[in-house]
Amino acid sequence: MNIGWPDLPGALLWITGGLLLVAGFIGFMAWGARRRRSSSVVIEVAGALARIWVAFTGVAMLLSAWRWFGGDVWIAGLPVAVTVPGLSCGGVDEPIVATTPTLVCGTVSGVDVTVAGVGAGLRMLLAAGDVLTLIAIAVPGVVLAIACGRALKGVPFSRVVSRWLLIGAVTVLVAGLGGELLGSLGRTILANEIFPAHGADVVSTGIYRVSVSWWPICAAAALGALAAIFRHGARLQHDTEALV
């Protein structure tokens, strides 16, 4: 949740209102589950939130497709080098003594732009990066919805859950890393094509800057560990049922 407002009290008020709205929605779902005498209110609410999570991600994929193939495109974080007089950090002769926050130097490494005339190949590259990232974001919601559904049916350690956890781990790893690689590569290529812009002291970095984050690796490791735990739980559940 990101709220912007001209003054701090107003921003805090809006963010508080948004959090209260979310809390009220969750409370309403919990009340409905309790009214239906659900076997587990927490699990039912978690499953509902997971399905909403997946639905919102699906909508985001449609919006992303419209964004990349609907004309001019807005792109955030193009890697650039910006020349601003008195702002570059080329070294300071003497340390600055200040009693209040004082700008010494700074750098600009990215800009948000709207671009026209982007080629189909580059659009597809950038769109693929966004879609893969959204898939990686949606997968935990899918797995959670399946796990909650099986738990409400009385088989929390179903082999279906462990299988989906393993599938989710691989998907998050591949889609998460692939999305970041394609997105960063596409932004670098586009920056090299459109900068320097006429009349602006902005140029491309002149290098191919690609990036990956730790979150897909960590998320995949967590899902893989849960898959092993649920597989072990399924064996224990099967052995217990056999004894009974």
C-alpha atoms as a PDB file:
ATOM      1  CA  MET A   1       0.000   0.000   0.000  1.00  0.00           C
ATOM      2  CA  ASN A   2       1.480   3.301  -1.109  1.00  0.00           C
ATOM      3  CA  ILE A   3      -0.175   6.596  -0.179  1.00  0.00           C
ATOM      4  CA  GLY A   4       0.963  10.089  -1.158  1.00  0.00           C
ATOM      5  CA  TRP A   5      -0.369  13.266   0.479  1.00  0.00           C
ATOM      6  CA  PRO A   6       0.859  16.866   0.794  1.00  0.00           C
ATOM      7  CA  ASP A   7       1.233  16.675   4.580  1.00  0.00           C
ATOM      8  CA  LEU A   8       2.347  13.923   6.963  1.00  0.00           C
ATOM      9  CA  PRO A   9      -0.823  13.761   9.131  1.00  0.00           C
ATOM     10  CA  GLY A  10      -2.938  13.370   6.010  1.00  0.00           C
ATOM     11  CA  ALA A  11      -0.722  10.595   4.650  1.00  0.00           C
ATOM     12  CA  LEU A  12      -0.809   8.762   7.998  1.00  0.00           C
ATOM     13  CA  LEU A  13      -4.595   9.173   8.146  1.00  0.00           C
ATOM     14  CA  TRP A  14      -5.059   7.691   4.687  1.00  0.00           C
ATOM     15  CA  ILE A  15      -2.721   4.773   5.348  1.00  0.00           C
ATOM     16  CA  THR A  16      -4.481   4.089   8.649  1.00  0.00           C
ATOM     17  CA  GLY A  17      -7.845   4.180   6.901  1.00  0.00           C
ATOM     18  CA  GLY A  18      -6.605   1.733   4.280  1.00  0.00           C
ATOM     19  CA  LEU A  19      -5.305  -0.683   6.906  1.00  0.00           C
ATOM     20  CA  LEU A  20      -8.589  -0.457   8.837  1.00  0.00           C
ATOM     21  CA  LEU A  21     -10.499  -1.184   5.634  1.00  0.00           C
ATOM     22  CA  VAL A  22      -8.404  -4.294   5.000  1.00  0.00           C
ATOM     23  CA  ALA A  23      -8.794  -5.390   8.620  1.00  0.00           C
ATOM     24  CA  GLY A  24     -12.552  -4.880   8.372  1.00  0.00           C
ATOM     25  CA  PHE A  25     -12.731  -6.980   5.214  1.00  0.00           C
ATOM     26  CA  ILE A  26     -10.788  -9.816   6.867  1.00  0.00           C
ATOM     27  CA  GLY A  27     -13.016  -9.537   9.932  1.00  0.00           C
ATOM     28  CA  PHE A  28     -16.119  -9.774   7.736  1.00  0.00           C
ATOM     29  CA  MET A  29     -14.790 -12.955   6.101  1.00  0.00           C
ATOM     30  CA  ALA A  30     -13.995 -14.415   9.548  1.00  0.00           C
ATOM     31  CA  TRP A  31     -17.501 -13.572  10.759  1.00  0.00           C
ATOM     32  CA  GLY A  32     -18.997 -15.284   7.697  1.00  0.00           C
ATOM     33  CA  ALA A  33     -16.883 -18.406   8.243  1.00  0.00           C
ATOM     34  CA  ARG A  34     -17.872 -18.544  11.921  1.00  0.00           C
ATOM     35  CA  ARG A  35     -21.515 -18.100  11.002  1.00  0.00           C
ATOM     36  CA  ARG A  36     -21.267 -21.083   8.645  1.00  0.00           C
ATOM     37  CA  ARG A  37     -19.691 -23.053  11.502  1.00  0.00           C
ATOM     38  CA  SER A  38     -16.509 -23.684   9.550  1.00  0.00           C
ATOM     39  CA  SER A  39     -14.189 -26.359  10.903  1.00  0.00           C
ATOM     40  CA  SER A  40     -11.382 -23.789  10.977  1.00  0.00           C
ATOM     41  CA  VAL A  41     -12.078 -20.085  10.602  1.00  0.00           C
ATOM     42  CA  VAL A  42      -8.390 -19.210  10.210  1.00  0.00           C
ATOM     43  CA  ILE A  43      -7.817 -21.740   7.433  1.00  0.00           C
ATOM     44  CA  GLU A  44     -10.958 -20.701   5.566  1.00  0.00           C
ATOM     45  CA  VAL A  45     -10.040 -17.004   5.746  1.00  0.00           C
ATOM     46  CA  ALA A  46      -6.463 -17.765   4.658  1.00  0.00           C
ATOM     47  CA  GLY A  47      -7.759 -19.742   1.678  1.00  0.00           C
ATOM     48  CA  ALA A  48     -10.118 -16.924   0.684  1.00  0.00           C
ATOM     49  CA  LEU A  49      -7.324 -14.358   0.892  1.00  0.00           C
ATOM     50  CA  ALA A  50      -5.103 -16.631  -1.207  1.00  0.00           C
ATOM     51  CA  ARG A  51      -7.766 -16.849  -3.919  1.00  0.00           C
ATOM     52  CA  ILE A  52      -8.174 -13.060  -3.887  1.00  0.00           C
ATOM     53  CA  TRP A  53      -4.375 -12.776  -4.127  1.00  0.00           C
ATOM     54  CA  VAL A  54      -4.353 -14.987  -7.245  1.00  0.00           C
ATOM     55  CA  ALA A  55      -7.311 -13.123  -8.763  1.00  0.00           C
ATOM     56  CA  PHE A  56      -5.640  -9.732  -8.339  1.00  0.00           C
ATOM     57  CA  THR A  57      -2.457 -11.109  -9.900  1.00  0.00           C
ATOM     58  CA  GLY A  58      -4.453 -12.362 -12.879  1.00  0.00           C
ATOM     59  CA  VAL A  59      -5.964  -8.904 -13.327  1.00  0.00           C
ATOM     60  CA  ALA A  60      -2.469  -7.418 -13.114  1.00  0.00           C
ATOM     61  CA  MET A  61      -1.353  -9.726 -15.946  1.00  0.00           C
ATOM     62  CA  LEU A  62      -4.190  -8.462 -18.159  1.00  0.00           C
ATOM     63  CA  LEU A  63      -3.327  -4.856 -17.333  1.00  0.00           C
ATOM     64  CA  SER A  64       0.315  -5.566 -18.105  1.00  0.00           C
ATOM     65  CA  ALA A  65      -0.595  -6.966 -21.535  1.00  0.00           C
ATOM     66  CA  TRP A  66      -2.703  -3.883 -22.278  1.00  0.00           C
ATOM     67  CA  ARG A  67       0.086  -1.633 -21.039  1.00  0.00           C
ATOM     68  CA  TRP A  68       2.814  -3.076 -23.237  1.00  0.00           C
ATOM     69  CA  PHE A  69       0.748  -3.425 -26.398  1.00  0.00           C
ATOM     70  CA  GLY A  70      -1.551  -0.428 -26.099  1.00  0.00           C
ATOM     71  CA  GLY A  71       0.563   2.415 -27.544  1.00  0.00           C
ATOM     72  CA  ASP A  72       2.911   4.616 -25.531  1.00  0.00           C
ATOM     73  CA  VAL A  73       4.346   2.804 -22.531  1.00  0.00           C
ATOM     74  CA  TRP A  74       5.370   4.040 -19.099  1.00  0.00           C
ATOM     75  CA  ILE A  75       8.531   2.338 -17.854  1.00  0.00           C
ATOM     76  CA  ALA A  76      10.082   2.702 -14.428  1.00  0.00           C
ATOM     77  CA  GLY A  77      13.741   2.442 -13.530  1.00  0.00           C
ATOM     78  CA  LEU A  78      15.603   2.786 -16.825  1.00  0.00           C
ATOM     79  CA  PRO A  79      19.348   2.697 -16.002  1.00  0.00           C
ATOM     80  CA  VAL A  80      20.922   6.045 -16.917  1.00  0.00           C
ATOM     81  CA  ALA A  81      23.735   8.403 -16.015  1.00  0.00           C
ATOM     82  CA  VAL A  82      22.606  11.958 -15.217  1.00  0.00           C
ATOM     83  CA  THR A  83      24.821  15.036 -15.255  1.00  0.00           C
ATOM     84  CA  VAL A  84      23.671  17.539 -12.640  1.00  0.00           C
ATOM     85  CA  PRO A  85      25.975  20.481 -11.867  1.00  0.00           C
ATOM     86  CA  GLY A  86      27.211  20.380  -8.284  1.00  0.00           C
ATOM     87  CA  LEU A  87      25.598  17.015  -7.568  1.00  0.00           C
ATOM     88  CA  SER A  88      28.062  14.415  -8.856  1.00  0.00           C
ATOM     89  CA  CYS A  89      30.143  12.552  -6.280  1.00  0.00           C
ATOM     90  CA  GLY A  90      33.615  12.933  -7.697  1.00  0.00           C
ATOM     91  CA  GLY A  91      35.289  13.402  -4.327  1.00  0.00           C
ATOM     92  CA  VAL A  92      35.168  15.974  -1.554  1.00  0.00           C
ATOM     93  CA  ASP A  93      38.278  17.940  -0.597  1.00  0.00           C
ATOM     94  CA  GLU A  94      37.225  18.661   2.950  1.00  0.00           C
ATOM     95  CA  PRO A  95      34.528  17.084   5.091  1.00  0.00           C
ATOM     96  CA  ILE A  96      31.455  19.246   5.457  1.00  0.00           C
ATOM     97  CA  VAL A  97      30.448  20.067   9.019  1.00  0.00           C
ATOM     98  CA  ALA A  98      26.697  20.467   9.357  1.00  0.00           C
ATOM     99  CA  THR A  99      24.185  20.482  12.207  1.00  0.00           C
ATOM    100  CA  THR A 100      21.208  19.763   9.942  1.00  0.00           C
ATOM    101  CA  PRO A 101      20.842  17.339   7.012  1.00  0.00           C
ATOM    102  CA  THR A 102      22.942  18.833   4.197  1.00  0.00           C
ATOM    103  CA  LEU A 103      23.347  17.463   0.686  1.00  0.00           C
ATOM    104  CA  VAL A 104      26.999  16.714  -0.086  1.00  0.00           C
ATOM    105  CA  CYS A 105      26.654  14.921  -3.415  1.00  0.00           C
ATOM    106  CA  GLY A 106      24.355  12.498  -5.170  1.00  0.00           C
ATOM    107  CA  THR A 107      23.864  10.260  -8.164  1.00  0.00           C
ATOM    108  CA  VAL A 108      20.879   9.307 -10.303  1.00  0.00           C
ATOM    109  CA  SER A 109      20.876   5.717 -11.515  1.00  0.00           C
ATOM    110  CA  GLY A 110      17.359   5.365 -12.908  1.00  0.00           C
ATOM    111  CA  VAL A 111      14.524   7.372 -14.440  1.00  0.00           C
ATOM    112  CA  ASP A 112      10.817   6.783 -15.050  1.00  0.00           C
ATOM    113  CA  VAL A 113       9.839   7.570 -18.645  1.00  0.00           C
ATOM    114  CA  THR A 114       7.007   7.323 -21.133  1.00  0.00           C
ATOM    115  CA  VAL A 115       8.207   6.061 -24.513  1.00  0.00           C
ATOM    116  CA  ALA A 116       6.553   5.963 -27.919  1.00  0.00           C
ATOM    117  CA  GLY A 117       7.490   3.810 -30.872  1.00  0.00           C
ATOM    118  CA  VAL A 118       8.896   0.859 -28.935  1.00  0.00           C
ATOM    119  CA  GLY A 119       9.483  -2.093 -31.267  1.00  0.00           C
ATOM    120  CA  ALA A 120       7.420  -5.280 -30.989  1.00  0.00           C
ATOM    121  CA  GLY A 121      10.429  -7.405 -30.021  1.00  0.00           C
ATOM    122  CA  LEU A 122      11.395  -5.121 -27.154  1.00  0.00           C
ATOM    123  CA  ARG A 123       7.778  -4.883 -26.006  1.00  0.00           C
ATOM    124  CA  MET A 124       7.559  -8.666 -25.901  1.00  0.00           C
ATOM    125  CA  LEU A 125      10.801  -8.874 -23.917  1.00  0.00           C
ATOM    126  CA  LEU A 126       9.593  -6.362 -21.333  1.00  0.00           C
ATOM    127  CA  ALA A 127       6.119  -7.903 -21.205  1.00  0.00           C
ATOM    128  CA  ALA A 128       7.609 -11.363 -20.658  1.00  0.00           C
ATOM    129  CA  GLY A 129       9.642 -10.011 -17.748  1.00  0.00           C
ATOM    130  CA  ASP A 130       6.530  -8.545 -16.120  1.00  0.00           C
ATOM    131  CA  VAL A 131       4.409 -11.658 -16.704  1.00  0.00           C
ATOM    132  CA  LEU A 132       7.052 -14.015 -15.311  1.00  0.00           C
ATOM    133  CA  THR A 133       7.402 -11.840 -12.210  1.00  0.00           C
ATOM    134  CA  LEU A 134       3.630 -11.841 -11.707  1.00  0.00           C
ATOM    135  CA  ILE A 135       3.549 -15.630 -12.110  1.00  0.00           C
ATOM    136  CA  ALA A 136       6.202 -15.939  -9.406  1.00  0.00           C
ATOM    137  CA  ILE A 137       4.111 -13.679  -7.165  1.00  0.00           C
ATOM    138  CA  ALA A 138       0.899 -15.663  -7.845  1.00  0.00           C
ATOM    139  CA  VAL A 139       2.315 -19.147  -7.236  1.00  0.00           C
ATOM    140  CA  PRO A 140       2.464 -18.952  -3.392  1.00  0.00           C
ATOM    141  CA  GLY A 141      -1.193 -17.866  -3.425  1.00  0.00           C
ATOM    142  CA  VAL A 142      -2.134 -20.857  -5.585  1.00  0.00           C
ATOM    143  CA  VAL A 143      -0.273 -23.256  -3.306  1.00  0.00           C
ATOM    144  CA  LEU A 144      -1.798 -21.709  -0.178  1.00  0.00           C
ATOM    145  CA  ALA A 145      -5.313 -21.944  -1.626  1.00  0.00           C
ATOM    146  CA  ILE A 146      -4.799 -25.640  -2.452  1.00  0.00           C
ATOM    147  CA  ALA A 147      -3.309 -26.385   0.982  1.00  0.00           C
ATOM    148  CA  CYS A 148      -6.180 -24.636   2.777  1.00  0.00           C
ATOM    149  CA  GLY A 149      -8.745 -26.449   0.641  1.00  0.00           C
ATOM    150  CA  ARG A 150      -7.257 -29.859   1.459  1.00  0.00           C
ATOM    151  CA  ALA A 151      -7.001 -28.976   5.143  1.00  0.00           C
ATOM    152  CA  LEU A 152     -10.706 -28.051   5.270  1.00  0.00           C
ATOM    153  CA  LYS A 153     -11.462 -31.479   3.744  1.00  0.00           C
ATOM    154  CA  GLY A 154      -9.613 -33.164   6.600  1.00  0.00           C
ATOM    155  CA  VAL A 155      -6.472 -34.182   4.693  1.00  0.00           C
ATOM    156  CA  PRO A 156      -3.931 -31.452   5.514  1.00  0.00           C
ATOM    157  CA  PHE A 157      -0.941 -33.641   4.592  1.00  0.00           C
ATOM    158  CA  SER A 158      -2.288 -34.727   1.235  1.00  0.00           C
ATOM    159  CA  ARG A 159       0.242 -35.726  -1.408  1.00  0.00           C
ATOM    160  CA  VAL A 160      -1.460 -33.186  -3.664  1.00  0.00           C
ATOM    161  CA  VAL A 161      -0.214 -30.398  -1.392  1.00  0.00           C
ATOM    162  CA  SER A 162       3.374 -31.653  -1.296  1.00  0.00           C
ATOM    163  CA  ARG A 163       3.336 -32.040  -5.084  1.00  0.00           C
ATOM    164  CA  TRP A 164       2.085 -28.493  -5.578  1.00  0.00           C
ATOM    165  CA  LEU A 165       4.635 -27.161  -3.121  1.00  0.00           C
ATOM    166  CA  LEU A 166       7.403 -28.743  -5.179  1.00  0.00           C
ATOM    167  CA  ILE A 167       5.895 -27.430  -8.430  1.00  0.00           C
ATOM    168  CA  GLY A 168       5.587 -24.005  -6.818  1.00  0.00           C
ATOM    169  CA  ALA A 169       9.227 -24.035  -5.708  1.00  0.00           C
ATOM    170  CA  VAL A 170      10.463 -24.720  -9.243  1.00  0.00           C
ATOM    171  CA  THR A 171       8.051 -22.199 -10.767  1.00  0.00           C
ATOM    172  CA  VAL A 172       8.983 -19.403  -8.361  1.00  0.00           C
ATOM    173  CA  LEU A 173      12.680 -20.017  -8.952  1.00  0.00           C
ATOM    174  CA  VAL A 174      12.463 -20.072 -12.760  1.00  0.00           C
ATOM    175  CA  ALA A 175       9.811 -17.363 -13.188  1.00  0.00           C
ATOM    176  CA  GLY A 176      11.237 -15.071 -10.504  1.00  0.00           C
ATOM    177  CA  LEU A 177      14.797 -15.139 -11.803  1.00  0.00           C
ATOM    178  CA  GLY A 178      13.678 -15.116 -15.444  1.00  0.00           C
ATOM    179  CA  GLY A 179      11.368 -12.161 -14.913  1.00  0.00           C
ATOM    180  CA  GLU A 180      14.071 -10.040 -13.338  1.00  0.00           C
ATOM    181  CA  LEU A 181      16.653 -10.981 -15.953  1.00  0.00           C
ATOM    182  CA  LEU A 182      14.361 -10.221 -18.899  1.00  0.00           C
ATOM    183  CA  GLY A 183      13.032  -7.023 -17.321  1.00  0.00           C
ATOM    184  CA  SER A 184      16.444  -5.606 -16.483  1.00  0.00           C
ATOM    185  CA  LEU A 185      17.844  -6.590 -19.889  1.00  0.00           C
ATOM    186  CA  GLY A 186      14.909  -4.993 -21.717  1.00  0.00           C
ATOM    187  CA  ARG A 187      15.255  -1.755 -19.753  1.00  0.00           C
ATOM    188  CA  THR A 188      18.965  -1.581 -20.491  1.00  0.00           C
ATOM    189  CA  ILE A 189      18.419  -2.122 -24.225  1.00  0.00           C
ATOM    190  CA  LEU A 190      15.690   0.537 -24.296  1.00  0.00           C
ATOM    191  CA  ALA A 191      17.859   3.016 -22.366  1.00  0.00           C
ATOM    192  CA  ASN A 192      20.668   2.516 -24.882  1.00  0.00           C
ATOM    193  CA  GLU A 193      18.226   3.208 -27.717  1.00  0.00           C
ATOM    194  CA  ILE A 194      16.552   6.393 -26.451  1.00  0.00           C
ATOM    195  CA  PHE A 195      19.355   8.176 -24.539  1.00  0.00           C
ATOM    196  CA  PRO A 196      20.893  10.663 -24.866  1.00  0.00           C
ATOM    197  CA  ALA A 197      17.676  12.591 -25.356  1.00  0.00           C
ATOM    198  CA  HIS A 198      17.724  15.907 -27.209  1.00  0.00           C
ATOM    199  CA  GLY A 199      18.279  18.818 -24.824  1.00  0.00           C
ATOM    200  CA  ALA A 200      18.773  16.648 -21.721  1.00  0.00           C
ATOM    201  CA  ASP A 201      21.935  15.847 -19.793  1.00  0.00           C
ATOM    202  CA  VAL A 202      20.917  12.202 -19.518  1.00  0.00           C
ATOM    203  CA  VAL A 203      22.778   9.342 -21.197  1.00  0.00           C
ATOM    204  CA  SER A 204      22.604   5.588 -20.981  1.00  0.00           C
ATOM    205  CA  THR A 205      25.135   3.857 -18.774  1.00  0.00           C
ATOM    206  CA  GLY A 206      26.685   2.175 -21.828  1.00  0.00           C
ATOM    207  CA  ILE A 207      26.654  -1.226 -20.169  1.00  0.00           C
ATOM    208  CA  TYR A 208      24.198  -4.102 -20.067  1.00  0.00           C
ATOM    209  CA  ARG A 209      22.978  -4.048 -16.484  1.00  0.00           C
ATOM    210  CA  VAL A 210      21.062  -7.196 -15.572  1.00  0.00           C
ATOM    211  CA  SER A 211      19.991  -8.130 -12.086  1.00  0.00           C
ATOM    212  CA  VAL A 212      18.558 -10.924  -9.988  1.00  0.00           C
ATOM    213  CA  SER A 213      17.284 -10.835  -6.415  1.00  0.00           C
ATOM    214  CA  TRP A 214      17.505 -13.268  -3.573  1.00  0.00           C
ATOM    215  CA  TRP A 215      13.749 -13.474  -3.021  1.00  0.00           C
ATOM    216  CA  PRO A 216      12.995 -16.095  -5.739  1.00  0.00           C
ATOM    217  CA  ILE A 217      15.805 -18.304  -4.436  1.00  0.00           C
ATOM    218  CA  CYS A 218      14.710 -17.919  -0.806  1.00  0.00           C
ATOM    219  CA  ALA A 219      11.020 -18.433  -1.668  1.00  0.00           C
ATOM    220  CA  ALA A 220      11.831 -21.537  -3.722  1.00  0.00           C
ATOM    221  CA  ALA A 221      13.931 -22.932  -0.878  1.00  0.00           C
ATOM    222  CA  ALA A 222      11.098 -22.330   1.596  1.00  0.00           C
ATOM    223  CA  LEU A 223       8.514 -23.994  -0.652  1.00  0.00           C
ATOM    224  CA  GLY A 224      10.858 -26.925  -1.275  1.00  0.00           C
ATOM    225  CA  ALA A 225      11.390 -27.388   2.466  1.00  0.00           C
ATOM    226  CA  LEU A 226       7.628 -27.282   3.044  1.00  0.00           C
ATOM    227  CA  ALA A 227       7.179 -29.889   0.300  1.00  0.00           C
ATOM    228  CA  ALA A 228       9.537 -32.236   2.137  1.00  0.00           C
ATOM    229  CA  ILE A 229       7.764 -31.570   5.458  1.00  0.00           C
ATOM    230  CA  PHE A 230       4.319 -32.219   3.968  1.00  0.00           C
ATOM    231  CA  ARG A 231       5.565 -35.372   2.242  1.00  0.00           C
ATOM    232  CA  HIS A 232       6.835 -36.636   5.600  1.00  0.00           C
ATOM    233  CA  GLY A 233       3.528 -35.660   7.201  1.00  0.00           C
ATOM    234  CA  ALA A 234       1.641 -37.589   4.520  1.00  0.00           C
ATOM    235  CA  ARG A 235       3.662 -40.718   5.313  1.00  0.00           C
ATOM    236  CA  LEU A 236       2.972 -40.331   9.031  1.00  0.00           C
ATOM    237  CA  GLN A 237      -0.728 -39.763   8.348  1.00  0.00           C
ATOM    238  CA  HIS A 238      -0.858 -42.881   6.154  1.00  0.00           C
ATOM    239  CA  ASP A 239       0.909 -44.987   8.790  1.00  0.00           C
ATOM    240  CA  THR A 240      -1.461 -43.726  11.503  1.00  0.00           C
ATOM    241  CA  GLU A 241      -4.527 -44.512   9.414  1.00  0.00           C
ATOM    242  CA  ALA A 242      -3.129 -48.001   8.705  1.00  0.00           C
ATOM    243  CA  LEU A 243      -2.734 -48.651  12.435  1.00  0.00           C
ATOM    244  CA  VAL A 244      -6.289 -47.550  13.130  1.00  0.00           C
END
